[in-house]
Protein backbone atom coordinates (compact mmCIF):
# COMPACT_ATOMS: atom_id res chain seq x y z
CA MET A 1 10.75 -86.63 7.04
CA SER A 2 12.04 -88.66 4.11
CA GLU A 3 15.49 -88.05 2.71
CA GLN A 4 13.90 -86.65 -0.48
CA ASP A 5 11.85 -84.20 1.61
CA ARG A 6 14.95 -83.21 3.57
CA VAL A 7 16.95 -82.57 0.36
CA ALA A 8 14.07 -80.51 -1.05
CA LYS A 9 13.90 -78.46 2.15
CA ILE A 10 17.72 -77.94 2.12
CA ASN A 11 17.60 -76.85 -1.53
CA ALA A 12 14.78 -74.36 -0.91
CA ILE A 13 16.67 -72.77 2.00
CA SER A 14 19.90 -72.80 0.00
CA GLY A 15 18.12 -71.08 -2.95
CA LYS A 16 16.93 -68.28 -0.72
CA ILE A 17 20.37 -67.75 0.85
CA LEU A 18 21.92 -67.76 -2.68
CA GLU A 19 19.39 -65.20 -3.78
CA ASP A 20 20.26 -62.96 -0.89
CA ILE A 21 24.03 -63.32 -1.60
CA LEU A 22 23.59 -62.58 -5.33
CA GLU A 23 21.54 -59.53 -4.44
CA SER A 24 24.30 -58.26 -2.11
CA ILE A 25 26.84 -58.83 -4.88
CA GLU A 26 24.69 -56.86 -7.32
CA ASN A 27 24.23 -54.06 -4.77
CA LEU A 28 27.90 -54.00 -4.03
CA THR A 29 27.23 -54.61 -0.35
CA LEU A 30 28.86 -58.00 0.06
CA ASP A 31 31.81 -58.03 2.40
CA GLU A 32 33.95 -60.66 0.58
CA ASP A 33 36.31 -61.30 3.47
CA GLN A 34 33.35 -61.88 5.83
CA PHE A 35 31.70 -64.09 3.24
CA LEU A 36 34.81 -66.23 2.68
CA ALA A 37 35.38 -66.50 6.48
CA GLU A 38 31.81 -67.67 7.03
CA THR A 39 32.05 -70.14 4.13
CA TYR A 40 35.32 -71.57 5.43
CA ALA A 41 33.96 -71.87 8.97
CA ARG A 42 30.85 -73.64 7.74
CA LEU A 43 32.90 -76.14 5.72
CA VAL A 44 34.98 -76.92 8.85
CA ALA A 45 31.81 -77.31 10.88
CA ALA A 46 30.32 -79.53 8.18
CA LYS A 47 33.35 -81.82 8.58
CA PHE A 48 32.72 -81.97 12.37
CA LEU A 49 29.09 -82.95 11.60
CA GLY A 50 30.25 -85.83 9.46
CA TYR A 51 29.77 -84.28 5.98
CA SER A 52 32.46 -84.19 3.27
CA PRO A 53 33.46 -80.56 2.51
CA THR A 54 34.97 -81.89 -0.74
CA ALA A 55 31.65 -83.41 -1.79
CA LEU A 56 29.87 -80.26 -0.87
CA VAL A 57 32.26 -78.21 -2.97
CA VAL A 58 31.99 -80.61 -5.95
CA ASP A 59 28.20 -80.40 -5.78
CA ALA A 60 28.26 -76.59 -5.40
CA GLU A 61 30.54 -76.22 -8.46
CA ALA A 62 28.21 -78.38 -10.49
CA ALA A 63 25.23 -76.31 -9.40
CA ALA A 64 27.00 -73.12 -10.19
CA GLN A 65 27.89 -74.37 -13.66
CA ARG A 66 24.28 -75.34 -14.32
CA LEU A 67 23.23 -71.81 -13.35
CA LEU A 68 25.89 -70.24 -15.52
CA ASP A 69 24.81 -72.41 -18.42
CA LEU A 70 21.19 -71.36 -17.94
CA VAL A 71 22.19 -67.70 -17.88
CA GLU A 72 24.21 -68.15 -21.01
CA GLU A 73 21.38 -69.95 -22.71
CA HIS A 74 18.95 -67.28 -21.69
CA GLU A 75 21.20 -64.52 -22.97
CA ALA A 76 21.69 -66.34 -26.27
CA THR A 77 17.89 -66.65 -26.59
CA ASP A 78 17.46 -62.91 -25.86
CA GLU A 79 19.97 -62.01 -28.60
CA ASN A 80 17.96 -63.88 -31.25
């Protein structure tokens, strides 16, 4: 599997997980403490695997901002 294929696969899986999390937020079923504990543990494990938690966070923040911008753009379009 090429690196590009691997990234595409990771992004697809990530998108599904994000969809599930957003749905649980919307349904008020997300246990925030459990969510934060799992996130923290996964960042620590990522470090053990040789990945940079800081780089992951920076990338996640950029992705979140892109999504927020898309939502804002969509809402502005709906208002007009």
